[in-house]
C-alpha atoms as a PDB file:
ATOM      1  CA  UNK A   1      44.140  28.902 -11.412  1.00  0.00           C
ATOM      2  CA  UNK A   2      43.281  25.229 -11.569  1.00  0.00           C
ATOM      3  CA  UNK A   3      44.818  22.608  -9.348  1.00  0.00           C
ATOM      4  CA  UNK A   4      44.477  18.864  -9.807  1.00  0.00           C
ATOM      5  CA  UNK A   5      44.543  16.139  -7.215  1.00  0.00           C
ATOM      6  CA  UNK A   6      44.811  12.481  -8.142  1.00  0.00           C
ATOM      7  CA  UNK A   7      43.927   9.854  -5.552  1.00  0.00           C
ATOM      8  CA  UNK A   8      45.549   6.460  -6.058  1.00  0.00           C
ATOM      9  CA  UNK A   9      44.782   3.438  -3.934  1.00  0.00           C
ATOM     10  CA  UNK A  10      47.699   1.063  -3.479  1.00  0.00           C
ATOM     11  CA  UNK A  11      47.731  -2.058  -5.667  1.00  0.00           C
ATOM     12  CA  UNK A  12      46.670  -5.509  -4.463  1.00  0.00           C
ATOM     13  CA  UNK A  13      48.740  -6.708  -1.526  1.00  0.00           C
ATOM     14  CA  UNK A  14      49.823 -10.173  -0.459  1.00  0.00           C
ATOM     15  CA  UNK A  15      48.364 -11.873   2.584  1.00  0.00           C
ATOM     16  CA  UNK A  16      50.468 -15.045   2.450  1.00  0.00           C
ATOM     17  CA  UNK A  17      52.879 -13.997   5.230  1.00  0.00           C
ATOM     18  CA  UNK A  18      50.782 -13.852   8.409  1.00  0.00           C
ATOM     19  CA  UNK A  19      53.785 -12.808  10.534  1.00  0.00           C
ATOM     20  CA  UNK A  20      54.194  -9.537   8.621  1.00  0.00           C
ATOM     21  CA  UNK A  21      52.631  -6.406  10.044  1.00  0.00           C
ATOM     22  CA  UNK A  22      49.938  -4.685   7.986  1.00  0.00           C
ATOM     23  CA  UNK A  23      52.411  -1.857   7.296  1.00  0.00           C
ATOM     24  CA  UNK A  24      54.974  -4.269   5.800  1.00  0.00           C
ATOM     25  CA  UNK A  25      52.686  -6.278   3.484  1.00  0.00           C
ATOM     26  CA  UNK A  26      54.126  -6.338  -0.077  1.00  0.00           C
ATOM     27  CA  UNK A  27      52.257  -6.390  -3.371  1.00  0.00           C
ATOM     28  CA  UNK A  28      51.070  -9.714  -4.716  1.00  0.00           C
ATOM     29  CA  UNK A  29      51.514 -10.828  -8.340  1.00  0.00           C
ATOM     30  CA  UNK A  30      48.438  -8.922  -9.546  1.00  0.00           C
ATOM     31  CA  UNK A  31      49.516  -5.799  -7.672  1.00  0.00           C
ATOM     32  CA  UNK A  32      52.954  -5.963  -9.272  1.00  0.00           C
ATOM     33  CA  UNK A  33      51.388  -6.059 -12.753  1.00  0.00           C
ATOM     34  CA  UNK A  34      48.561  -3.560 -12.131  1.00  0.00           C
ATOM     35  CA  UNK A  35      50.848  -0.756 -10.888  1.00  0.00           C
ATOM     36  CA  UNK A  36      52.900  -0.318 -14.084  1.00  0.00           C
ATOM     37  CA  UNK A  37      49.747  -0.855 -16.186  1.00  0.00           C
ATOM     38  CA  UNK A  38      48.003   2.042 -14.466  1.00  0.00           C
ATOM     39  CA  UNK A  39      51.138   4.166 -14.751  1.00  0.00           C
ATOM     40  CA  UNK A  40      51.140   3.548 -18.497  1.00  0.00           C
ATOM     41  CA  UNK A  41      47.454   4.539 -18.661  1.00  0.00           C
ATOM     42  CA  UNK A  42      48.274   7.832 -16.911  1.00  0.00           C
ATOM     43  CA  UNK A  43      51.180   8.421 -19.292  1.00  0.00           C
ATOM     44  CA  UNK A  44      48.983   7.782 -22.369  1.00  0.00           C
ATOM     45  CA  UNK A  45      46.425  10.250 -21.000  1.00  0.00           C
ATOM     46  CA  UNK A  46      49.183  12.791 -20.373  1.00  0.00           C
ATOM     47  CA  UNK A  47      48.424  12.977 -16.639  1.00  0.00           C
ATOM     48  CA  UNK A  48      51.481  14.472 -14.939  1.00  0.00           C
ATOM     49  CA  UNK A  49      52.353  15.347 -11.373  1.00  0.00           C
ATOM     50  CA  UNK A  50      54.373  18.134  -9.795  1.00  0.00           C
ATOM     51  CA  UNK A  51      54.342  16.310  -6.463  1.00  0.00           C
ATOM     52  CA  UNK A  52      53.633  12.723  -5.395  1.00  0.00           C
ATOM     53  CA  UNK A  53      52.755  12.064  -1.755  1.00  0.00           C
ATOM     54  CA  UNK A  54      52.692   8.448  -0.616  1.00  0.00           C
ATOM     55  CA  UNK A  55      52.018   6.466   2.484  1.00  0.00           C
ATOM     56  CA  UNK A  56      55.291   4.733   3.404  1.00  0.00           C
ATOM     57  CA  UNK A  57      53.528   1.372   3.882  1.00  0.00           C
ATOM     58  CA  UNK A  58      55.259  -1.210   1.674  1.00  0.00           C
ATOM     59  CA  UNK A  59      52.246  -1.788  -0.607  1.00  0.00           C
ATOM     60  CA  UNK A  60      51.687   1.953  -1.109  1.00  0.00           C
ATOM     61  CA  UNK A  61      55.281   3.045  -1.720  1.00  0.00           C
ATOM     62  CA  UNK A  62      55.844   0.114  -4.098  1.00  0.00           C
ATOM     63  CA  UNK A  63      52.733   1.169  -6.024  1.00  0.00           C
ATOM     64  CA  UNK A  64      53.969   4.768  -6.045  1.00  0.00           C
ATOM     65  CA  UNK A  65      57.384   3.784  -7.392  1.00  0.00           C
ATOM     66  CA  UNK A  66      55.918   1.644 -10.191  1.00  0.00           C
ATOM     67  CA  UNK A  67      53.428   4.298 -11.279  1.00  0.00           C
ATOM     68  CA  UNK A  68      56.052   7.049 -11.134  1.00  0.00           C
ATOM     69  CA  UNK A  69      58.513   4.955 -13.115  1.00  0.00           C
ATOM     70  CA  UNK A  70      55.903   4.350 -15.838  1.00  0.00           C
ATOM     71  CA  UNK A  71      54.896   8.015 -16.031  1.00  0.00           C
ATOM     72  CA  UNK A  72      58.425   9.407 -15.981  1.00  0.00           C
ATOM     73  CA  UNK A  73      58.052  11.117 -12.599  1.00  0.00           C
ATOM     74  CA  UNK A  74      61.386  10.884 -10.774  1.00  0.00           C
ATOM     75  CA  UNK A  75      60.934   8.149  -8.169  1.00  0.00           C
ATOM     76  CA  UNK A  76      63.434   9.867  -5.873  1.00  0.00           C
ATOM     77  CA  UNK A  77      61.046  12.807  -5.594  1.00  0.00           C
ATOM     78  CA  UNK A  78      58.225  10.783  -4.024  1.00  0.00           C
ATOM     79  CA  UNK A  79      57.460  12.368  -0.668  1.00  0.00           C
ATOM     80  CA  UNK A  80      56.628   9.715   1.902  1.00  0.00           C
ATOM     81  CA  UNK A  81      54.286  10.895   4.631  1.00  0.00           C
ATOM     82  CA  UNK A  82      53.669   8.584   7.591  1.00  0.00           C
ATOM     83  CA  UNK A  83      50.393  10.421   8.317  1.00  0.00           C
ATOM     84  CA  UNK A  84      48.932   9.016   5.065  1.00  0.00           C
ATOM     85  CA  UNK A  85      49.072   5.476   6.454  1.00  0.00           C
ATOM     86  CA  UNK A  86      45.395   4.561   6.979  1.00  0.00           C
ATOM     87  CA  UNK A  87      44.473   8.273   7.034  1.00  0.00           C
ATOM     88  CA  UNK A  88      40.851   9.402   7.093  1.00  0.00           C
ATOM     89  CA  UNK A  89      39.475  11.723   4.417  1.00  0.00           C
ATOM     90  CA  UNK A  90      39.747  14.666   6.831  1.00  0.00           C
ATOM     91  CA  UNK A  91      43.366  13.799   7.639  1.00  0.00           C
ATOM     92  CA  UNK A  92      44.231  13.608   3.921  1.00  0.00           C
ATOM     93  CA  UNK A  93      42.655  17.023   3.345  1.00  0.00           C
ATOM     94  CA  UNK A  94      44.789  18.432   6.197  1.00  0.00           C
ATOM     95  CA  UNK A  95      47.922  16.990   4.578  1.00  0.00           C
ATOM     96  CA  UNK A  96      46.955  18.510   1.209  1.00  0.00           C
ATOM     97  CA  UNK A  97      46.351  21.886   2.904  1.00  0.00           C
ATOM     98  CA  UNK A  98      50.065  21.936   3.792  1.00  0.00           C
ATOM     99  CA  UNK A  99      51.275  21.354   0.200  1.00  0.00           C
ATOM    100  CA  UNK A 100      53.434  24.155  -1.176  1.00  0.00           C
ATOM    101  CA  UNK A 101      51.482  26.375  -3.571  1.00  0.00           C
ATOM    102  CA  UNK A 102      54.121  25.970  -6.291  1.00  0.00           C
ATOM    103  CA  UNK A 103      52.721  22.463  -6.900  1.00  0.00           C
ATOM    104  CA  UNK A 104      49.575  22.507  -9.061  1.00  0.00           C
ATOM    105  CA  UNK A 105      49.213  18.794  -9.895  1.00  0.00           C
ATOM    106  CA  UNK A 106      49.551  16.387  -7.004  1.00  0.00           C
ATOM    107  CA  UNK A 107      49.002  12.686  -6.471  1.00  0.00           C
ATOM    108  CA  UNK A 108      48.174  11.095  -3.138  1.00  0.00           C
ATOM    109  CA  UNK A 109      48.843   7.359  -2.851  1.00  0.00           C
ATOM    110  CA  UNK A 110      47.292   5.654   0.124  1.00  0.00           C
ATOM    111  CA  UNK A 111      44.632   3.434   1.572  1.00  0.00           C
ATOM    112  CA  UNK A 112      40.935   2.809   2.002  1.00  0.00           C
ATOM    113  CA  UNK A 113      38.550   3.742   3.436  1.00  0.00           C
ATOM    114  CA  UNK A 114      40.044   7.253   3.526  1.00  0.00           C
ATOM    115  CA  UNK A 115      40.577   7.544  -0.228  1.00  0.00           C
ATOM    116  CA  UNK A 116      37.085   6.319  -1.137  1.00  0.00           C
ATOM    117  CA  UNK A 117      35.461   8.683   1.343  1.00  0.00           C
ATOM    118  CA  UNK A 118      37.619  11.574   0.130  1.00  0.00           C
ATOM    119  CA  UNK A 119      36.781  10.870  -3.518  1.00  0.00           C
ATOM    120  CA  UNK A 120      33.084  10.988  -2.703  1.00  0.00           C
ATOM    121  CA  UNK A 121      33.470  14.136  -0.590  1.00  0.00           C
ATOM    122  CA  UNK A 122      35.541  16.196  -3.046  1.00  0.00           C
ATOM    123  CA  UNK A 123      33.114  16.008  -5.953  1.00  0.00           C
ATOM    124  CA  UNK A 124      30.091  14.321  -7.432  1.00  0.00           C
ATOM    125  CA  UNK A 125      31.949  11.002  -7.716  1.00  0.00           C
ATOM    126  CA  UNK A 126      29.782   8.314  -6.145  1.00  0.00           C
ATOM    127  CA  UNK A 127      31.555   5.022  -5.571  1.00  0.00           C
ATOM    128  CA  UNK A 128      31.208   2.427  -2.849  1.00  0.00           C
ATOM    129  CA  UNK A 129      34.847   1.429  -2.953  1.00  0.00           C
ATOM    130  CA  UNK A 130      38.026   2.442  -4.756  1.00  0.00           C
ATOM    131  CA  UNK A 131      39.380  -0.920  -5.920  1.00  0.00           C
ATOM    132  CA  UNK A 132      43.064  -1.669  -5.516  1.00  0.00           C
ATOM    133  CA  UNK A 133      45.229   0.383  -7.892  1.00  0.00           C
ATOM    134  CA  UNK A 134      42.295   2.576  -8.886  1.00  0.00           C
ATOM    135  CA  UNK A 135      42.835   6.226  -9.706  1.00  0.00           C
ATOM    136  CA  UNK A 136      40.420   9.117  -9.200  1.00  0.00           C
ATOM    137  CA  UNK A 137      41.415  12.372 -10.900  1.00  0.00           C
ATOM    138  CA  UNK A 138      39.918  15.689  -9.800  1.00  0.00           C
ATOM    139  CA  UNK A 139      40.297  19.310 -10.787  1.00  0.00           C
ATOM    140  CA  UNK A 140      39.593  22.302  -8.564  1.00  0.00           C
ATOM    141  CA  UNK A 141      39.289  25.954  -9.526  1.00  0.00           C
ATOM    142  CA  UNK A 142      41.265  27.133  -6.505  1.00  0.00           C
ATOM    143  CA  UNK A 143      44.378  29.260  -6.027  1.00  0.00           C
ATOM    144  CA  UNK A 144      45.507  27.637  -2.805  1.00  0.00           C
ATOM    145  CA  UNK A 145      45.577  24.049  -1.532  1.00  0.00           C
ATOM    146  CA  UNK A 146      44.195  25.490   1.706  1.00  0.00           C
ATOM    147  CA  UNK A 147      40.963  26.112  -0.253  1.00  0.00           C
ATOM    148  CA  UNK A 148      40.462  22.405  -0.994  1.00  0.00           C
ATOM    149  CA  UNK A 149      37.277  21.373   0.762  1.00  0.00           C
ATOM    150  CA  UNK A 150      34.257  19.127   0.257  1.00  0.00           C
ATOM    151  CA  UNK A 151      32.474  19.667  -3.075  1.00  0.00           C
ATOM    152  CA  UNK A 152      35.293  21.917  -4.370  1.00  0.00           C
ATOM    153  CA  UNK A 153      36.342  19.651  -7.258  1.00  0.00           C
ATOM    154  CA  UNK A 154      35.014  18.187 -10.443  1.00  0.00           C
ATOM    155  CA  UNK A 155      35.742  14.606 -11.398  1.00  0.00           C
ATOM    156  CA  UNK A 156      37.969  14.272 -14.456  1.00  0.00           C
ATOM    157  CA  UNK A 157      38.190  10.475 -14.550  1.00  0.00           C
ATOM    158  CA  UNK A 158      37.954   7.300 -12.516  1.00  0.00           C
ATOM    159  CA  UNK A 159      40.293   4.545 -13.677  1.00  0.00           C
ATOM    160  CA  UNK A 160      40.760   1.010 -12.396  1.00  0.00           C
ATOM    161  CA  UNK A 161      42.724  -1.989 -13.708  1.00  0.00           C
ATOM    162  CA  UNK A 162      39.766  -4.199 -14.715  1.00  0.00           C
ATOM    163  CA  UNK A 163      38.647  -1.455 -17.093  1.00  0.00           C
ATOM    164  CA  UNK A 164      41.813  -1.993 -19.145  1.00  0.00           C
ATOM    165  CA  UNK A 165      42.153  -5.776 -19.092  1.00  0.00           C
ATOM    166  CA  UNK A 166      40.658  -7.965 -21.786  1.00  0.00           C
END
């Protein structure tokens, strides 16, 4: 059986409110436009999710909601996981290991550097940095999420907003 994991970095966040904690930073104007754009790209490519896991940080959950809205995934079914906030690649893998086996297509919405490192570890993807609102899609020939490990996936696509703007 094949399972797919999609890594999505949160969209561009605002830095114009220095009194806000990092956790509470909202999206800026570009982030608010990139999120639905990337959701539409996923919809056009027929990329669907059985489960969406998101960091509860404001910039991540707002990105998750916009992408889910654009793709038709029920926003109320987004599972917020506090452990995804600034998680390392190893921590993200541990979270994925606990995903119920009934879910075959999952998305993880979070932060760098964990997502970039994880993308490079899972497959032959070689990137220095996942830009804001970028999406890395992987497929693994595994029966169980517990079998997800380094070099267990193949890269399906790597998408980022600048690729779709003229």
